[in-house]
PDB file of N, CA and C in Angstrom:
ATOM      1  N   MET A   1       0.811  -1.194   0.000  1.00  0.00           N
ATOM      2  CA  MET A   1       0.000   0.000   0.000  1.00  0.00           C
ATOM      3  C   MET A   1       0.859   1.265   0.000  1.00  0.00           C
ATOM      4  N   LEU A   2       2.084   1.150   0.475  1.00  0.00           N
ATOM      5  CA  LEU A   2       2.978   2.299   0.453  1.00  0.00           C
ATOM      6  C   LEU A   2       3.253   2.726  -0.987  1.00  0.00           C
ATOM      7  N   PHE A   3       3.405   1.735  -1.870  1.00  0.00           N
ATOM      8  CA  PHE A   3       3.639   2.033  -3.282  1.00  0.00           C
ATOM      9  C   PHE A   3       2.478   2.830  -3.875  1.00  0.00           C
ATOM     10  N   VAL A   4       1.259   2.447  -3.538  1.00  0.00           N
ATOM     11  CA  VAL A   4       0.074   3.144  -4.053  1.00  0.00           C
ATOM     12  C   VAL A   4       0.058   4.593  -3.572  1.00  0.00           C
ATOM     13  N   ARG A   5       0.385   4.812  -2.319  1.00  0.00           N
ATOM     14  CA  ARG A   5       0.401   6.173  -1.776  1.00  0.00           C
ATOM     15  C   ARG A   5       1.487   7.030  -2.427  1.00  0.00           C
ATOM     16  N   ILE A   6       2.657   6.454  -2.602  1.00  0.00           N
ATOM     17  CA  ILE A   6       3.751   7.192  -3.236  1.00  0.00           C
ATOM     18  C   ILE A   6       3.395   7.511  -4.679  1.00  0.00           C
ATOM     19  N   PHE A   7       2.849   6.528  -5.392  1.00  0.00           N
ATOM     20  CA  PHE A   7       2.470   6.753  -6.777  1.00  0.00           C
ATOM     21  C   PHE A   7       1.382   7.822  -6.886  1.00  0.00           C
ATOM     22  N   ALA A   8       0.394   7.766  -6.016  1.00  0.00           N
ATOM     23  CA  ALA A   8      -0.687   8.757  -6.039  1.00  0.00           C
ATOM     24  C   ALA A   8      -0.134  10.156  -5.757  1.00  0.00           C
ATOM     25  N   ALA A   9       0.773  10.271  -4.807  1.00  0.00           N
ATOM     26  CA  ALA A   9       1.367  11.571  -4.496  1.00  0.00           C
ATOM     27  C   ALA A   9       2.162  12.111  -5.685  1.00  0.00           C
ATOM     28  N   LEU A  10       2.936  11.252  -6.327  1.00  0.00           N
ATOM     29  CA  LEU A  10       3.713  11.693  -7.484  1.00  0.00           C
ATOM     30  C   LEU A  10       2.805  12.080  -8.651  1.00  0.00           C
ATOM     31  N   ALA A  11       1.729  11.324  -8.844  1.00  0.00           N
ATOM     32  CA  ALA A  11       0.785  11.653  -9.916  1.00  0.00           C
ATOM     33  C   ALA A  11       0.127  12.998  -9.651  1.00  0.00           C
ATOM     34  N   LEU A  12      -0.274  13.240  -8.415  1.00  0.00           N
ATOM     35  CA  LEU A  12      -0.895  14.529  -8.082  1.00  0.00           C
ATOM     36  C   LEU A  12       0.079  15.690  -8.251  1.00  0.00           C
ATOM     37  N   ILE A  13       1.319  15.481  -7.877  1.00  0.00           N
ATOM     38  CA  ILE A  13       2.334  16.522  -8.058  1.00  0.00           C
ATOM     39  C   ILE A  13       2.548  16.794  -9.547  1.00  0.00           C
ATOM     40  N   GLY A  14       2.606  15.737 -10.341  1.00  0.00           N
ATOM     41  CA  GLY A  14       2.777  15.913 -11.790  1.00  0.00           C
ATOM     42  C   GLY A  14       1.607  16.622 -12.431  1.00  0.00           C
ATOM     43  N   ILE A  15       0.391  16.230 -12.049  1.00  0.00           N
ATOM     44  CA  ILE A  15      -0.806  16.859 -12.609  1.00  0.00           C
ATOM     45  C   ILE A  15      -0.881  18.318 -12.173  1.00  0.00           C
ATOM     46  N   GLY A  16      -0.682  18.558 -10.894  1.00  0.00           N
ATOM     47  CA  GLY A  16      -0.743  19.930 -10.379  1.00  0.00           C
ATOM     48  C   GLY A  16       0.320  20.830 -10.985  1.00  0.00           C
ATOM     49  N   GLY A  17       1.531  20.310 -11.090  1.00  0.00           N
ATOM     50  CA  GLY A  17       2.618  21.097 -11.681  1.00  0.00           C
ATOM     51  C   GLY A  17       2.366  21.418 -13.140  1.00  0.00           C
ATOM     52  N   SER A  18       1.843  20.442 -13.878  1.00  0.00           N
ATOM     53  CA  SER A  18       1.547  20.670 -15.288  1.00  0.00           C
ATOM     54  C   SER A  18       0.423  21.688 -15.463  1.00  0.00           C
ATOM     55  N   LEU A  19      -0.615  21.575 -14.647  1.00  0.00           N
ATOM     56  CA  LEU A  19      -1.714  22.538 -14.749  1.00  0.00           C
ATOM     57  C   LEU A  19      -1.260  23.943 -14.353  1.00  0.00           C
ATOM     58  N   LEU A  20      -0.416  24.028 -13.340  1.00  0.00           N
ATOM     59  CA  LEU A  20       0.114  25.332 -12.940  1.00  0.00           C
ATOM     60  C   LEU A  20       0.970  25.934 -14.056  1.00  0.00           C
ATOM     61  N   ALA A  21       1.818  25.103 -14.670  1.00  0.00           N
ATOM     62  CA  ALA A  21       2.642  25.591 -15.780  1.00  0.00           C
ATOM     63  C   ALA A  21       1.764  26.028 -16.948  1.00  0.00           C
ATOM     64  N   TRP A  22       0.686  25.304 -17.203  1.00  0.00           N
ATOM     65  CA  TRP A  22      -0.233  25.681 -18.287  1.00  0.00           C
ATOM     66  C   TRP A  22      -0.897  27.028 -17.986  1.00  0.00           C
ATOM     67  N   MET A  23      -1.320  27.218 -16.732  1.00  0.00           N
ATOM     68  CA  MET A  23      -1.977  28.483 -16.373  1.00  0.00           C
ATOM     69  C   MET A  23      -1.008  29.659 -16.451  1.00  0.00           C
ATOM     70  N   LEU A  24       0.246  29.428 -16.097  1.00  0.00           N
ATOM     71  CA  LEU A  24       1.217  30.524 -16.104  1.00  0.00           C
ATOM     72  C   LEU A  24       1.710  30.866 -17.506  1.00  0.00           C
ATOM     73  N   THR A  25       1.871  29.835 -18.362  1.00  0.00           N
ATOM     74  CA  THR A  25       2.435  30.083 -19.688  1.00  0.00           C
ATOM     75  C   THR A  25       1.391  30.119 -20.789  1.00  0.00           C
ATOM     76  N   GLY A  26       0.281  29.407 -20.606  1.00  0.00           N
ATOM     77  CA  GLY A  26      -0.736  29.333 -21.652  1.00  0.00           C
ATOM     78  C   GLY A  26      -0.394  28.337 -22.746  1.00  0.00           C
ATOM     79  N   ASP A  27       0.720  27.629 -22.582  1.00  0.00           N
ATOM     80  CA  ASP A  27       1.139  26.629 -23.571  1.00  0.00           C
ATOM     81  C   ASP A  27       0.320  25.354 -23.391  1.00  0.00           C
ATOM     82  N   VAL A  28      -0.273  24.883 -24.469  1.00  0.00           N
ATOM     83  CA  VAL A  28      -1.203  23.752 -24.406  1.00  0.00           C
ATOM     84  C   VAL A  28      -0.493  22.431 -24.094  1.00  0.00           C
ATOM     85  N   LYS A  29       0.811  22.353 -24.362  1.00  0.00           N
ATOM     86  CA  LYS A  29       1.511  21.087 -24.124  1.00  0.00           C
ATOM     87  C   LYS A  29       1.477  20.684 -22.649  1.00  0.00           C
ATOM     88  N   TYR A  30       1.446  21.668 -21.758  1.00  0.00           N
ATOM     89  CA  TYR A  30       1.393  21.344 -20.330  1.00  0.00           C
ATOM     90  C   TYR A  30       0.044  20.758 -19.932  1.00  0.00           C
ATOM     91  N   ARG A  31      -1.023  21.215 -20.587  1.00  0.00           N
ATOM     92  CA  ARG A  31      -2.341  20.639 -20.326  1.00  0.00           C
ATOM     93  C   ARG A  31      -2.380  19.194 -20.821  1.00  0.00           C
ATOM     94  N   ARG A  32      -1.750  18.940 -21.963  1.00  0.00           N
ATOM     95  CA  ARG A  32      -1.671  17.571 -22.478  1.00  0.00           C
ATOM     96  C   ARG A  32      -0.875  16.680 -21.530  1.00  0.00           C
ATOM     97  N   TRP A  33       0.190  17.217 -20.969  1.00  0.00           N
ATOM     98  CA  TRP A  33       0.990  16.455 -20.008  1.00  0.00           C
ATOM     99  C   TRP A  33       0.149  16.095 -18.786  1.00  0.00           C
ATOM    100  N   ALA A  34      -0.631  17.051 -18.294  1.00  0.00           N
ATOM    101  CA  ALA A  34      -1.491  16.795 -17.131  1.00  0.00           C
ATOM    102  C   ALA A  34      -2.492  15.690 -17.456  1.00  0.00           C
ATOM    103  N   TRP A  35      -3.063  15.727 -18.651  1.00  0.00           N
ATOM    104  CA  TRP A  35      -4.017  14.695 -19.057  1.00  0.00           C
ATOM    105  C   TRP A  35      -3.337  13.333 -19.133  1.00  0.00           C
ATOM    106  N   LEU A  36      -2.117  13.285 -19.658  1.00  0.00           N
ATOM    107  CA  LEU A  36      -1.386  12.018 -19.728  1.00  0.00           C
ATOM    108  C   LEU A  36      -1.042  11.488 -18.334  1.00  0.00           C
ATOM    109  N   PHE A  37      -0.631  12.379 -17.432  1.00  0.00           N
ATOM    110  CA  PHE A  37      -0.378  11.967 -16.048  1.00  0.00           C
ATOM    111  C   PHE A  37      -1.640  11.395 -15.416  1.00  0.00           C
ATOM    112  N   PHE A  38      -2.770  12.046 -15.663  1.00  0.00           N
ATOM    113  CA  PHE A  38      -4.041  11.575 -15.110  1.00  0.00           C
ATOM    114  C   PHE A  38      -4.396  10.201 -15.666  1.00  0.00           C
ATOM    115  N   GLN A  39      -4.276  10.024 -16.974  1.00  0.00           N
ATOM    116  CA  GLN A  39      -4.596   8.741 -17.593  1.00  0.00           C
ATOM    117  C   GLN A  39      -3.681   7.632 -17.075  1.00  0.00           C
ATOM    118  N   ALA A  40      -2.398   7.909 -16.971  1.00  0.00           N
ATOM    119  CA  ALA A  40      -1.458   6.911 -16.473  1.00  0.00           C
ATOM    120  C   ALA A  40      -1.765   6.558 -15.023  1.00  0.00           C
ATOM    121  N   GLY A  41      -2.082   7.562 -14.227  1.00  0.00           N
ATOM    122  CA  GLY A  41      -2.407   7.308 -12.826  1.00  0.00           C
ATOM    123  C   GLY A  41      -3.642   6.444 -12.664  1.00  0.00           C
ATOM    124  N   VAL A  42      -4.685   6.752 -13.411  1.00  0.00           N
ATOM    125  CA  VAL A  42      -5.911   5.955 -13.325  1.00  0.00           C
ATOM    126  C   VAL A  42      -5.660   4.538 -13.802  1.00  0.00           C
ATOM    127  N   THR A  43      -4.907   4.381 -14.878  1.00  0.00           N
ATOM    128  CA  THR A  43      -4.617   3.046 -15.408  1.00  0.00           C
ATOM    129  C   THR A  43      -3.839   2.205 -14.405  1.00  0.00           C
ATOM    130  N   VAL A  44      -2.799   2.776 -13.837  1.00  0.00           N
ATOM    131  CA  VAL A  44      -1.987   2.028 -12.872  1.00  0.00           C
ATOM    132  C   VAL A  44      -2.806   1.663 -11.643  1.00  0.00           C
ATOM    133  N   LEU A  45      -3.604   2.587 -11.149  1.00  0.00           N
ATOM    134  CA  LEU A  45      -4.412   2.293  -9.964  1.00  0.00           C
ATOM    135  C   LEU A  45      -5.472   1.232 -10.247  1.00  0.00           C
ATOM    136  N   LEU A  46      -6.086   1.267 -11.428  1.00  0.00           N
ATOM    137  CA  LEU A  46      -7.057   0.229 -11.781  1.00  0.00           C
ATOM    138  C   LEU A  46      -6.398  -1.145 -11.881  1.00  0.00           C
ATOM    139  N   VAL A  47      -5.212  -1.185 -12.444  1.00  0.00           N
ATOM    140  CA  VAL A  47      -4.487  -2.461 -12.530  1.00  0.00           C
ATOM    141  C   VAL A  47      -4.146  -2.964 -11.126  1.00  0.00           C
ATOM    142  N   LEU A  48      -3.669  -2.083 -10.265  1.00  0.00           N
ATOM    143  CA  LEU A  48      -3.336  -2.496  -8.901  1.00  0.00           C
ATOM    144  C   LEU A  48      -4.564  -2.971  -8.134  1.00  0.00           C
ATOM    145  N   PHE A  49      -5.673  -2.264  -8.266  1.00  0.00           N
ATOM    146  CA  PHE A  49      -6.899  -2.691  -7.595  1.00  0.00           C
ATOM    147  C   PHE A  49      -7.400  -4.010  -8.163  1.00  0.00           C
ATOM    148  N   GLY A  50      -7.209  -4.214  -9.460  1.00  0.00           N
ATOM    149  CA  GLY A  50      -7.563  -5.501 -10.064  1.00  0.00           C
ATOM    150  C   GLY A  50      -6.721  -6.631  -9.499  1.00  0.00           C
ATOM    151  N   VAL A  51      -5.437  -6.374  -9.319  1.00  0.00           N
ATOM    152  CA  VAL A  51      -4.550  -7.388  -8.725  1.00  0.00           C
ATOM    153  C   VAL A  51      -4.971  -7.676  -7.287  1.00  0.00           C
ATOM    154  N   PHE A  52      -5.292  -6.643  -6.531  1.00  0.00           N
ATOM    155  CA  PHE A  52      -5.751  -6.846  -5.154  1.00  0.00           C
ATOM    156  C   PHE A  52      -7.046  -7.646  -5.112  1.00  0.00           C
ATOM    157  N   ALA A  53      -7.978  -7.345  -6.018  1.00  0.00           N
ATOM    158  CA  ALA A  53      -9.243  -8.071  -6.063  1.00  0.00           C
ATOM    159  C   ALA A  53      -9.019  -9.523  -6.460  1.00  0.00           C
ATOM    160  N   PHE A  54      -8.157  -9.742  -7.439  1.00  0.00           N
ATOM    161  CA  PHE A  54      -7.840 -11.106  -7.880  1.00  0.00           C
ATOM    162  C   PHE A  54      -7.199 -11.897  -6.757  1.00  0.00           C
ATOM    163  N   GLU A  55      -6.306 -11.250  -6.025  1.00  0.00           N
ATOM    164  CA  GLU A  55      -5.645 -11.889  -4.889  1.00  0.00           C
ATOM    165  C   GLU A  55      -6.656 -12.247  -3.803  1.00  0.00           C
ATOM    166  N   ARG A  56      -7.623 -11.404  -3.606  1.00  0.00           N
ATOM    167  CA  ARG A  56      -8.640 -11.622  -2.566  1.00  0.00           C
ATOM    168  C   ARG A  56      -9.571 -12.775  -2.935  1.00  0.00           C
ATOM    169  N   ILE A  57      -9.920 -12.857  -4.227  1.00  0.00           N
ATOM    170  CA  ILE A  57     -10.843 -13.898  -4.696  1.00  0.00           C
ATOM    171  C   ILE A  57     -10.168 -15.272  -4.670  1.00  0.00           C
ATOM    172  N   PHE A  58      -8.945 -15.324  -5.142  1.00  0.00           N
ATOM    173  CA  PHE A  58      -8.257 -16.605  -5.204  1.00  0.00           C
ATOM    174  C   PHE A  58      -7.266 -16.661  -4.110  1.00  0.00           C
TER     175      PHE A  58
END
């Protein structure tokens, strides 16, 4: 569970930093980066929760 917390914290820092950079510069690439960080974070967390559920069932 420590890994999940560390990953979530890093994902939030990446998303927040990218959105802040987008607001300050107006460059769209930072918004795209934030979206990619969000997608990667959701994907990794869904995979981890799937592994936990699979482990619990079997």
